Amino acid sequence: MGHEQHTVTVFAPVLYLTVTVEQNSAGEDEVHIHPGGQGFWIARMLKHLDERPLLCGPLGGESGKVFLGLLGQFGMDVSSISIAQSSQTVIQDRRSGDRRLIAESPAVNLARHEVDDVYGRFLDRALASSVCVITGQSQPIFPVETYRRLGHDLASAEVEVVADLHGPELEAFLDGGPIDVLKVSDEDLTKDGMLDSPDADESQGLAAIERLIESGARSVVLSRQHEPALARRHDATYVARAPKLEPADHRGAGDSMTAGLTAGLRRHLDFVDTIRLGCAAGAANVTRHGLGSADEDLIPGLMERVEVEQRRGVVA
């Protein structure tokens, strides 16, 4: 597997197997087994956007082997480090329409040498691709210091970075180096205490973006579930409105937006078109069941219909 074939390298600290029980139109039970994790979902949408992503992360045990076997049906490559512990498995019941957790195995606990091996593998692959994506972790698998090192080393190697981070991982990364495009959500910034609530007004969102710019993010896109997205690059502030489509599943729109922003950066689109592509990918995702999935033909049409307004004279 040659490094040159991949356009984007994705740091995926949390990869796991999902088993979901659903009900078909005939009322019969169906069982679906898929790879899961933020890094995988972003990489899956990148494939829909005609990019060639490479996943980097830890996998182990029976669930890890199944994860690797399933990647073939998505046409996706992974450069994984084999770990002693089995990768996590999450079993859910969606027969009622809502997701109900049935069982969840423990999150992996990496040994020190496994952390070092994943770090080294990712850095090696990131140097060979034009852009990398840094994702966070829902469980403390990697030490937060790992993110500071990534910030420093990727900046030193002049690798362009898109990050979907918040909290301690974001603070640590920016302490090490800049982020070219940072995607954050209103829910994440509420958890971090930067917004009063996910429904905070626009001025509060712009103030939060300003703080992130001052901390080292070169540009920021803030997704807001019920309101237009906000973005900032240099001294320009933007408001982006995507067509509101009836959702089949609202989950995954944020990760798909991150994939769209990554593709825009990789293709050297101007920032407004990069925002449009991110919003279009996020909107397309909600029309389907399956995180990080979309009708590829739908995205260009949605991109044309994303309205991006530049705010003149806005001071956050």
Protein backbone atom coordinates (compact mmCIF):
# COMPACT_ATOMS: atom_id res chain seq x y z
CA MET A 1 0.00 0.00 0.00
CA GLY A 2 1.85 3.09 -1.24
CA HIS A 3 1.52 6.30 0.75
CA GLU A 4 1.13 8.38 -2.41
CA GLN A 5 -2.33 7.02 -3.18
CA HIS A 6 -3.92 8.74 -0.17
CA THR A 7 -4.97 12.39 -0.27
CA VAL A 8 -6.06 12.66 3.39
CA THR A 9 -4.79 10.90 6.52
CA VAL A 10 -7.23 10.63 9.43
CA PHE A 11 -6.09 10.30 13.04
CA ALA A 12 -8.74 8.02 14.54
CA PRO A 13 -8.02 7.26 18.20
CA VAL A 14 -11.44 5.65 18.71
CA LEU A 15 -12.43 2.90 16.28
CA TYR A 16 -15.08 0.38 17.24
CA LEU A 17 -17.57 -2.11 15.90
CA THR A 18 -21.31 -1.36 15.86
CA VAL A 19 -24.06 -3.98 15.85
CA THR A 20 -27.52 -2.49 15.28
CA VAL A 21 -30.88 -4.27 15.32
CA GLU A 22 -33.46 -2.61 13.06
CA GLN A 23 -36.86 -3.49 11.65
CA ASN A 24 -37.57 -3.57 7.93
CA SER A 25 -40.75 -2.50 6.16
CA ALA A 26 -42.17 -6.04 6.54
CA GLY A 27 -41.77 -5.86 10.32
CA GLU A 28 -38.87 -8.32 10.32
CA ASP A 29 -35.72 -7.89 12.37
CA GLU A 30 -32.50 -6.97 10.58
CA VAL A 31 -29.01 -6.97 12.09
CA HIS A 32 -26.42 -4.56 10.69
CA ILE A 33 -22.70 -4.73 11.53
CA HIS A 34 -20.56 -1.72 10.64
CA PRO A 35 -17.28 -0.03 11.54
CA GLY A 36 -17.79 2.95 13.82
CA GLY A 37 -16.02 5.95 15.28
CA GLN A 38 -15.71 9.61 14.33
CA GLY A 39 -12.59 9.03 12.24
CA PHE A 40 -14.29 6.30 10.23
CA TRP A 41 -17.41 8.39 9.61
CA ILE A 42 -15.34 11.34 8.39
CA ALA A 43 -13.29 9.05 6.15
CA ARG A 44 -16.47 7.46 4.78
CA MET A 45 -17.82 10.85 3.69
CA LEU A 46 -14.43 11.74 2.22
CA LYS A 47 -14.80 8.67 -0.01
CA HIS A 48 -18.19 9.98 -1.17
CA LEU A 49 -16.42 13.24 -2.01
CA ASP A 50 -13.98 11.34 -4.24
CA GLU A 51 -11.04 11.69 -1.88
CA ARG A 52 -8.72 8.82 -0.92
CA PRO A 53 -8.61 8.77 2.89
CA LEU A 54 -6.36 6.62 5.05
CA LEU A 55 -7.49 5.75 8.57
CA CYS A 56 -4.84 5.48 11.27
CA GLY A 57 -5.73 4.06 14.67
CA PRO A 58 -5.55 1.10 17.07
CA LEU A 59 -7.45 -2.15 16.46
CA GLY A 60 -7.33 -5.45 18.32
CA GLY A 61 -9.03 -8.75 19.10
CA GLU A 62 -11.99 -10.33 17.35
CA SER A 63 -13.84 -7.05 16.96
CA GLY A 64 -10.76 -5.47 15.43
CA LYS A 65 -10.50 -8.28 12.87
CA VAL A 66 -14.17 -7.88 11.96
CA PHE A 67 -13.66 -4.10 11.65
CA LEU A 68 -10.78 -4.66 9.23
CA GLY A 69 -12.78 -7.18 7.23
CA LEU A 70 -15.73 -4.82 6.85
CA LEU A 71 -13.63 -1.93 5.54
CA GLY A 72 -13.37 -3.64 2.17
CA GLN A 73 -17.04 -3.03 1.41
CA PHE A 74 -16.43 0.70 1.85
CA GLY A 75 -13.36 0.69 -0.39
CA MET A 76 -11.36 2.26 2.40
CA ASP A 77 -7.76 1.78 3.51
CA VAL A 78 -6.53 1.60 7.09
CA SER A 79 -3.05 1.66 8.53
CA SER A 80 -3.74 0.22 11.97
CA ILE A 81 -1.61 -0.77 14.91
CA SER A 82 -2.49 -4.16 16.38
CA ILE A 83 -3.13 -3.87 20.12
CA ALA A 84 -3.45 -6.50 22.84
CA GLN A 85 -6.96 -5.55 23.95
CA SER A 86 -10.06 -6.15 21.85
CA SER A 87 -11.52 -3.08 20.19
CA GLN A 88 -14.78 -1.83 21.62
CA THR A 89 -18.14 -3.17 20.40
CA VAL A 90 -21.43 -1.27 20.75
CA ILE A 91 -24.78 -3.08 20.33
CA GLN A 92 -27.90 -0.95 19.77
CA ASP A 93 -31.61 -1.55 19.15
CA ARG A 94 -33.30 0.82 16.68
CA ARG A 95 -36.51 -1.13 16.07
CA SER A 96 -38.55 1.58 17.79
CA GLY A 97 -36.93 4.32 15.71
CA ASP A 98 -34.74 5.59 18.55
CA ARG A 99 -31.33 4.19 19.43
CA ARG A 100 -31.38 2.08 22.62
CA LEU A 101 -28.08 0.80 23.97
CA ILE A 102 -28.13 -2.95 24.64
CA ALA A 103 -24.48 -3.61 25.45
CA GLU A 104 -21.13 -1.86 25.24
CA SER A 105 -17.75 -3.45 25.86
CA PRO A 106 -15.11 -1.42 27.71
CA ALA A 107 -13.05 1.19 25.91
CA VAL A 108 -9.53 0.08 25.09
CA ASN A 109 -6.68 0.85 27.46
CA LEU A 110 -3.50 1.27 25.42
CA ALA A 111 -0.08 0.34 26.69
CA ARG A 112 2.58 3.04 26.43
CA HIS A 113 4.34 1.38 23.50
CA GLU A 114 0.98 1.05 21.68
CA VAL A 115 0.39 4.79 22.05
CA ASP A 116 3.86 5.44 20.63
CA ASP A 117 3.30 3.01 17.75
CA VAL A 118 -0.02 4.62 16.72
CA TYR A 119 1.52 8.10 16.98
CA GLY A 120 4.53 7.18 14.86
CA ARG A 121 2.44 5.42 12.24
CA PHE A 122 0.06 8.36 11.89
CA LEU A 123 2.83 10.93 11.68
CA ASP A 124 4.59 8.91 9.00
CA ARG A 125 1.41 8.63 6.90
CA ALA A 126 0.41 12.27 7.47
CA LEU A 127 3.74 13.46 6.09
CA ALA A 128 2.95 11.61 2.86
CA SER A 129 -0.52 13.09 2.31
CA SER A 130 -1.47 16.66 1.52
CA VAL A 131 -3.92 17.13 4.40
CA CYS A 132 -4.64 15.40 7.70
CA VAL A 133 -7.71 15.29 9.93
CA ILE A 134 -7.46 15.15 13.71
CA THR A 135 -10.43 13.74 15.60
CA GLY A 136 -11.11 13.70 19.31
CA GLN A 137 -11.87 10.87 21.68
CA SER A 138 -15.06 10.09 23.54
CA GLN A 139 -13.05 8.06 26.04
CA PRO A 140 -9.57 8.86 27.42
CA ILE A 141 -7.61 6.39 25.26
CA PHE A 142 -4.64 8.61 24.37
CA PRO A 143 -3.01 10.99 26.87
CA VAL A 144 -3.98 14.59 26.20
CA GLU A 145 -0.27 15.32 25.76
CA THR A 146 -0.48 13.31 22.51
CA TYR A 147 -2.49 16.15 20.97
CA ARG A 148 0.05 18.78 21.96
CA ARG A 149 2.79 16.71 20.32
CA LEU A 150 0.68 16.34 17.19
CA GLY A 151 0.17 20.10 17.01
CA HIS A 152 3.89 20.72 17.28
CA ASP A 153 5.09 17.99 14.93
CA LEU A 154 2.53 18.58 12.17
CA ALA A 155 3.30 22.32 12.22
CA SER A 156 7.02 21.60 12.09
CA ALA A 157 6.48 19.35 9.07
CA GLU A 158 4.15 21.94 7.45
CA VAL A 159 1.26 19.49 7.13
CA GLU A 160 -2.15 21.16 6.69
CA VAL A 161 -4.53 20.29 9.51
CA VAL A 162 -8.30 20.06 9.75
CA ALA A 163 -9.49 19.31 13.28
CA ASP A 164 -12.83 18.35 14.79
CA LEU A 165 -11.87 18.86 18.42
CA HIS A 166 -12.98 20.54 21.61
CA GLY A 167 -12.12 20.53 25.30
CA PRO A 168 -8.70 19.46 26.61
CA GLU A 169 -7.66 17.85 23.31
CA LEU A 170 -8.27 21.12 21.43
CA GLU A 171 -6.45 23.20 24.04
CA ALA A 172 -3.50 20.81 23.97
CA PHE A 173 -3.28 20.75 20.16
CA LEU A 174 -3.34 24.54 19.89
CA ASP A 175 -0.66 24.72 22.58
CA GLY A 176 1.53 22.71 20.22
CA GLY A 177 0.68 24.30 16.89
CA PRO A 178 -1.98 25.93 14.70
CA ILE A 179 -5.04 24.40 13.03
CA ASP A 180 -5.78 25.42 9.44
CA VAL A 181 -9.52 24.67 9.65
CA LEU A 182 -11.17 23.98 13.00
CA LYS A 183 -14.71 22.63 12.98
CA VAL A 184 -16.63 22.87 16.28
CA SER A 185 -20.30 22.43 17.20
CA ASP A 186 -22.57 24.47 19.43
CA GLU A 187 -23.04 21.41 21.66
CA ASP A 188 -19.29 20.97 22.12
CA LEU A 189 -18.70 24.64 22.92
CA THR A 190 -21.55 24.49 25.45
CA LYS A 191 -19.80 21.58 27.17
CA ASP A 192 -16.59 23.64 27.18
CA GLY A 193 -18.35 26.61 28.80
CA MET A 194 -17.82 28.88 25.79
CA LEU A 195 -21.55 29.06 25.04
CA ASP A 196 -24.41 29.33 27.53
CA SER A 197 -26.43 26.75 25.58
CA PRO A 198 -26.61 25.17 22.12
CA ASP A 199 -29.27 27.79 21.32
CA ALA A 200 -26.99 30.71 22.22
CA ASP A 201 -27.39 33.77 20.01
CA GLU A 202 -25.13 34.64 17.10
CA SER A 203 -23.08 37.23 18.98
CA GLN A 204 -22.07 34.66 21.59
CA GLY A 205 -21.07 32.23 18.83
CA LEU A 206 -18.93 34.89 17.16
CA ALA A 207 -17.25 35.71 20.47
CA ALA A 208 -16.40 32.03 20.96
CA ILE A 209 -14.95 31.86 17.44
CA GLU A 210 -12.83 34.94 18.16
CA ARG A 211 -11.36 33.24 21.24
CA LEU A 212 -10.49 30.15 19.18
CA ILE A 213 -8.82 32.31 16.51
CA GLU A 214 -6.78 34.03 19.21
CA SER A 215 -5.75 30.59 20.53
CA GLY A 216 -4.22 29.56 17.20
CA ALA A 217 -6.97 28.37 14.85
CA ARG A 218 -6.42 29.98 11.46
CA SER A 219 -10.07 29.56 10.51
CA VAL A 220 -13.10 28.27 12.42
CA VAL A 221 -16.46 26.86 11.31
CA LEU A 222 -19.12 26.61 14.02
CA SER A 223 -22.00 24.27 13.21
CA ARG A 224 -25.29 25.09 14.93
CA GLN A 225 -27.97 22.45 14.84
CA HIS A 226 -30.98 24.77 14.56
CA GLU A 227 -29.32 27.90 13.15
CA PRO A 228 -27.03 28.86 10.24
CA ALA A 229 -23.36 27.96 10.60
CA LEU A 230 -20.88 30.70 11.51
CA ALA A 231 -17.34 30.92 10.16
CA ARG A 232 -14.32 33.15 10.41
CA ARG A 233 -11.06 33.39 8.47
CA HIS A 234 -8.63 36.25 8.89
CA ASP A 235 -10.83 39.35 9.39
CA ALA A 236 -13.81 38.00 7.44
CA THR A 237 -16.91 36.61 9.17
CA TYR A 238 -19.51 34.50 7.37
CA VAL A 239 -22.99 33.11 7.96
CA ALA A 240 -23.87 29.98 5.97
CA ARG A 241 -27.39 28.67 5.37
CA ALA A 242 -27.84 25.21 3.90
CA PRO A 243 -31.17 23.93 2.55
CA LYS A 244 -33.18 22.37 5.38
CA LEU A 245 -33.93 18.80 4.39
CA GLU A 246 -36.19 16.35 6.19
CA PRO A 247 -33.78 14.16 8.19
CA ALA A 248 -33.82 10.38 8.02
CA ASP A 249 -31.19 10.49 10.79
CA HIS A 250 -29.84 13.78 12.14
CA ARG A 251 -26.71 12.15 13.59
CA GLY A 252 -23.49 12.46 11.63
CA ALA A 253 -24.06 15.83 9.99
CA GLY A 254 -21.16 17.41 11.88
CA ASP A 255 -18.65 14.72 10.91
CA SER A 256 -19.81 14.96 7.30
CA MET A 257 -19.32 18.74 7.43
CA THR A 258 -15.76 18.15 8.65
CA ALA A 259 -15.17 15.86 5.66
CA GLY A 260 -16.49 18.52 3.28
CA LEU A 261 -14.26 21.19 4.81
CA THR A 262 -11.30 18.83 4.48
CA ALA A 263 -12.02 18.17 0.81
CA GLY A 264 -12.32 21.91 0.20
CA LEU A 265 -8.96 22.60 1.83
CA ARG A 266 -7.32 19.72 -0.04
CA ARG A 267 -8.64 21.04 -3.37
CA HIS A 268 -7.49 24.59 -2.57
CA LEU A 269 -11.02 25.99 -2.89
CA ASP A 270 -11.52 29.52 -1.61
CA PHE A 271 -12.88 29.69 1.93
CA VAL A 272 -16.45 30.49 0.89
CA ASP A 273 -16.62 27.45 -1.41
CA THR A 274 -15.01 25.34 1.30
CA ILE A 275 -17.81 26.38 3.66
CA ARG A 276 -20.37 25.57 0.97
CA LEU A 277 -18.93 22.10 0.45
CA GLY A 278 -18.89 21.43 4.20
CA CYS A 279 -22.50 22.52 4.61
CA ALA A 280 -23.60 20.51 1.55
CA ALA A 281 -21.94 17.32 2.82
CA GLY A 282 -23.56 17.77 6.23
CA ALA A 283 -26.99 18.36 4.71
CA ALA A 284 -26.69 15.37 2.37
CA ASN A 285 -25.81 13.06 5.25
CA VAL A 286 -29.06 13.62 7.16
CA THR A 287 -31.13 12.38 4.21
CA ARG A 288 -29.85 8.82 4.75
CA HIS A 289 -29.54 6.25 7.50
CA GLY A 290 -25.87 5.57 8.12
CA LEU A 291 -23.36 8.02 9.52
CA GLY A 292 -20.95 9.51 7.02
CA SER A 293 -23.03 8.40 4.04
CA ALA A 294 -24.63 10.42 1.25
CA ASP A 295 -25.96 10.33 -2.27
CA GLU A 296 -22.86 11.54 -4.10
CA ASP A 297 -24.93 13.14 -6.87
CA LEU A 298 -26.85 15.20 -4.32
CA ILE A 299 -23.88 17.06 -2.87
CA PRO A 300 -23.00 19.31 -5.87
CA GLY A 301 -26.61 20.48 -6.19
CA LEU A 302 -26.81 21.25 -2.49
CA MET A 303 -23.49 23.08 -2.63
CA GLU A 304 -24.93 25.47 -5.22
CA ARG A 305 -27.84 26.20 -2.89
CA VAL A 306 -25.81 26.96 0.26
CA GLU A 307 -26.07 30.70 0.89
CA VAL A 308 -22.94 32.27 2.39
CA GLU A 309 -23.19 35.87 3.54
CA GLN A 310 -20.13 37.84 4.56
CA ARG A 311 -20.78 40.10 7.51
CA ARG A 312 -19.26 43.50 7.00
CA GLY A 313 -17.72 45.28 9.93
CA VAL A 314 -18.49 42.52 12.43
CA VAL A 315 -16.44 42.67 15.60
CA ALA A 316 -16.93 39.60 17.76
